[in-house]
N, C-alpha and C. Protein backbone atom coordinates (compact mmCIF):
# COMPACT_ATOMS: atom_id res chain seq x y z
N MET A 1 85.28 91.12 96.76
CA MET A 1 85.72 92.69 96.21
C MET A 1 87.09 92.73 96.79
N ASN A 2 88.08 92.71 95.70
CA ASN A 2 89.12 93.16 96.14
C ASN A 2 89.94 95.03 96.31
N LEU A 3 90.14 95.10 97.49
CA LEU A 3 90.04 96.62 97.83
C LEU A 3 91.63 96.58 98.34
N ASP A 4 92.62 96.01 97.64
CA ASP A 4 93.96 95.91 98.20
C ASP A 4 94.56 97.23 98.27
N MET A 5 94.20 98.30 97.33
CA MET A 5 94.53 99.23 96.87
C MET A 5 94.34 100.24 97.63
N PHE A 6 93.38 100.07 98.48
CA PHE A 6 93.37 101.14 99.84
C PHE A 6 93.92 100.51 100.95
N THR A 7 94.88 101.67 101.41
CA THR A 7 95.19 101.21 102.89
C THR A 7 94.05 101.64 104.24
N THR A 8 93.89 101.25 105.18
CA THR A 8 93.60 101.74 106.10
C THR A 8 93.78 102.86 106.55
N TYR A 9 94.61 103.15 106.50
CA TYR A 9 95.24 104.58 107.08
C TYR A 9 94.78 106.06 105.98
N ASP A 10 94.86 105.26 104.31
CA ASP A 10 94.14 106.39 103.68
C ASP A 10 92.95 106.58 103.91
N ILE A 11 92.06 105.28 104.25
CA ILE A 11 90.71 105.63 104.37
C ILE A 11 90.84 106.63 105.60
N VAL A 12 91.09 106.53 106.75
CA VAL A 12 90.75 106.87 107.66
C VAL A 12 91.27 108.37 108.06
N THR A 13 92.45 108.30 107.26
CA THR A 13 92.61 110.18 106.71
C THR A 13 91.78 110.75 106.45
N ALA A 14 91.04 109.80 105.09
CA ALA A 14 90.18 110.78 104.27
C ALA A 14 88.73 111.05 105.20
N ILE A 15 88.47 110.19 105.86
CA ILE A 15 87.52 110.42 107.13
C ILE A 15 87.56 111.76 107.84
N SER A 16 88.86 111.57 108.49
CA SER A 16 89.00 112.94 109.16
C SER A 16 89.16 113.99 108.84
N SER A 17 89.60 113.84 107.66
CA SER A 17 90.04 115.53 106.88
C SER A 17 88.74 115.83 106.01
N SER A 18 87.88 115.26 105.59
CA SER A 18 86.34 115.36 105.41
C SER A 18 85.53 116.63 105.93
N CYS A 19 85.26 117.46 105.91
CA CYS A 19 83.96 118.08 106.60
C CYS A 19 82.56 117.68 105.86
N ASN A 20 82.59 117.48 105.40
CA ASN A 20 81.07 116.85 104.46
C ASN A 20 80.77 115.41 104.78
N LYS A 21 79.76 115.51 105.75
CA LYS A 21 78.94 114.31 106.21
C LYS A 21 78.74 113.01 105.25
N ASN A 22 78.52 113.41 104.10
CA ASN A 22 78.25 112.49 103.03
C ASN A 22 79.29 112.11 102.70
N GLU A 23 80.37 112.73 102.42
CA GLU A 23 81.53 111.97 101.96
C GLU A 23 82.43 111.22 103.11
N GLN A 24 82.34 111.57 104.45
CA GLN A 24 82.39 111.01 105.36
C GLN A 24 81.93 109.74 105.06
N MET A 25 80.51 109.37 105.15
CA MET A 25 79.88 108.14 105.06
C MET A 25 80.49 107.30 104.28
N ARG A 26 80.98 108.08 102.82
CA ARG A 26 81.06 107.10 101.67
C ARG A 26 82.62 106.32 102.12
N HIS A 27 83.12 107.11 102.56
CA HIS A 27 84.32 106.24 103.08
C HIS A 27 84.16 105.71 104.34
N GLN A 28 83.55 105.96 105.09
CA GLN A 28 83.35 104.80 106.24
C GLN A 28 82.80 103.58 105.68
N ASN A 29 81.85 103.71 104.72
CA ASN A 29 81.54 102.41 104.03
C ASN A 29 82.46 101.54 103.12
N LEU A 30 83.76 102.51 102.65
CA LEU A 30 84.48 101.37 102.40
C LEU A 30 85.58 101.31 103.22
N PHE A 31 85.64 101.81 104.46
CA PHE A 31 86.62 101.28 105.56
C PHE A 31 85.66 99.95 106.00
N LEU A 32 84.82 100.02 106.33
CA LEU A 32 83.99 98.81 106.83
C LEU A 32 84.43 97.61 105.81
N VAL A 33 83.66 97.86 104.66
CA VAL A 33 83.80 96.57 103.81
C VAL A 33 85.12 96.45 103.75
N GLU A 34 86.17 96.91 103.41
CA GLU A 34 87.67 97.03 103.23
C GLU A 34 87.94 95.83 104.48
N ASN A 35 87.68 96.16 105.63
CA ASN A 35 88.05 95.55 106.88
C ASN A 35 87.21 94.13 107.19
N GLY A 36 86.03 93.78 105.89
CA GLY A 36 85.38 92.77 106.16
C GLY A 36 84.21 92.25 106.81
N LEU A 37 83.62 93.86 106.62
CA LEU A 37 81.99 93.76 106.92
C LEU A 37 81.45 93.70 105.60
N ASN A 38 80.54 92.76 105.61
CA ASN A 38 79.30 92.57 104.70
C ASN A 38 78.65 93.80 104.17
N PRO A 39 78.78 94.20 102.72
CA PRO A 39 78.03 95.26 102.20
C PRO A 39 77.01 95.30 102.45
N ALA A 40 76.11 94.11 102.59
CA ALA A 40 74.62 94.18 103.21
C ALA A 40 74.57 94.98 104.61
N LYS A 41 75.48 94.35 105.22
CA LYS A 41 75.47 94.95 106.73
C LYS A 41 75.73 96.31 106.68
N VAL A 42 76.85 96.59 106.27
CA VAL A 42 77.11 98.28 106.33
C VAL A 42 75.99 98.99 105.35
N ALA A 43 75.14 98.64 104.57
CA ALA A 43 73.95 99.26 103.70
C ALA A 43 73.12 99.26 105.18
N GLU A 44 72.67 98.32 105.87
CA GLU A 44 71.83 98.39 106.73
C GLU A 44 72.67 99.18 108.08
N ASP A 45 73.27 99.01 108.19
CA ASP A 45 74.08 100.21 109.53
C ASP A 45 73.74 101.61 108.90
N PHE A 46 74.12 101.92 107.80
CA PHE A 46 73.87 103.10 107.53
C PHE A 46 72.79 103.70 106.62
N SER A 47 71.52 102.95 106.59
CA SER A 47 70.44 103.20 106.05
C SER A 47 70.38 103.60 104.67
N VAL A 48 70.99 103.02 103.92
CA VAL A 48 71.27 102.98 102.44
C VAL A 48 70.81 102.24 102.00
N HIS A 49 70.82 101.73 100.71
CA HIS A 49 70.26 100.47 99.78
C HIS A 49 71.61 99.69 99.52
N CYS A 50 71.91 98.53 99.61
CA CYS A 50 72.88 97.73 99.27
C CYS A 50 73.47 98.26 98.02
N SER A 51 72.63 98.26 96.99
CA SER A 51 73.28 98.84 95.68
C SER A 51 73.98 100.01 95.82
N THR A 52 73.98 101.03 96.73
CA THR A 52 74.40 101.97 96.89
C THR A 52 75.75 101.91 97.29
N VAL A 53 76.02 100.91 98.36
CA VAL A 53 77.43 100.52 98.80
C VAL A 53 78.26 100.09 97.83
N ASN A 54 77.51 99.04 97.39
CA ASN A 54 78.63 98.13 96.01
C ASN A 54 78.78 99.05 95.08
N ARG A 55 78.13 100.12 94.89
CA ARG A 55 78.32 101.25 93.50
C ARG A 55 79.52 101.94 93.77
N ARG A 56 79.30 102.41 95.05
CA ARG A 56 80.79 103.13 95.72
C ARG A 56 81.72 102.60 95.92
N ILE A 57 81.89 101.35 96.09
CA ILE A 57 82.87 100.46 96.29
C ILE A 57 83.52 100.00 94.92
N LYS A 58 82.87 100.12 94.10
CA LYS A 58 83.00 99.47 92.59
C LYS A 58 83.64 100.89 91.77
N GLN A 59 83.04 101.93 92.35
CA GLN A 59 83.50 103.57 91.82
C GLN A 59 84.87 103.83 92.49
N ALA A 60 85.09 103.27 93.41
CA ALA A 60 86.27 103.75 94.20
C ALA A 60 87.82 102.88 93.79
N LYS A 61 87.08 101.65 93.20
CA LYS A 61 87.71 100.44 92.86
C LYS A 61 88.12 100.85 91.09
N ASN A 62 87.68 101.55 90.78
CA ASN A 62 87.34 101.95 89.09
C ASN A 62 88.23 103.43 88.99
N GLU A 63 87.49 103.94 89.45
CA GLU A 63 87.82 105.59 89.25
C GLU A 63 88.90 106.03 90.43
N GLY A 64 89.56 105.25 91.51
CA GLY A 64 89.79 105.77 92.34
C GLY A 64 89.56 106.23 93.71
N PHE A 65 90.41 106.50 94.73
CA PHE A 65 89.77 106.39 96.16
C PHE A 65 88.99 108.07 95.99
N SER A 66 89.50 108.67 95.05
CA SER A 66 89.15 110.24 95.09
C SER A 66 87.39 110.55 94.74
N ALA A 67 87.37 109.44 93.75
CA ALA A 67 85.64 109.28 93.67
C ALA A 67 84.95 109.28 94.27
N LEU A 68 84.94 109.30 95.48
CA LEU A 68 84.02 109.07 96.89
C LEU A 68 83.77 110.52 97.19
N ASN A 69 84.76 111.75 96.74
CA ASN A 69 84.59 113.04 97.23
C ASN A 69 83.65 113.64 96.96
N ALA A 70 83.14 114.44 97.86
CA ALA A 70 81.56 115.24 97.32
C ALA A 70 81.75 115.67 96.31
N ALA A 71 83.06 116.29 95.91
CA ALA A 71 82.56 117.42 94.96
C ALA A 71 82.46 116.66 93.40
N LEU A 72 82.59 115.56 93.49
CA LEU A 72 83.02 114.45 92.55
C LEU A 72 81.72 113.65 92.36
N ILE A 73 80.71 113.98 93.57
CA ILE A 73 79.43 113.41 93.56
C ILE A 73 78.34 114.19 93.00
N GLU A 74 77.27 113.53 91.95
CA GLU A 74 76.21 114.32 91.25
C GLU A 74 75.23 114.37 92.38
N ASN A 75 74.72 113.30 92.87
CA ASN A 75 73.45 113.17 93.55
C ASN A 75 73.57 113.60 94.97
């Protein structure tokens, strides 16, 4: 997965500025994968299904970083 469009600074800023724990987790997932951690390992560490992590990353790549914001997530 190529996540070059997201800088570490952008992701860390989003994590620290969010008050929503689920939103922070989605951004942390992106941060970890962006910095080389395997999506399956991220899923294991956060106790979510691997397809969830992959879906979040795909969503961020296709719709932009703000797609991970809590107000835009339906589930």
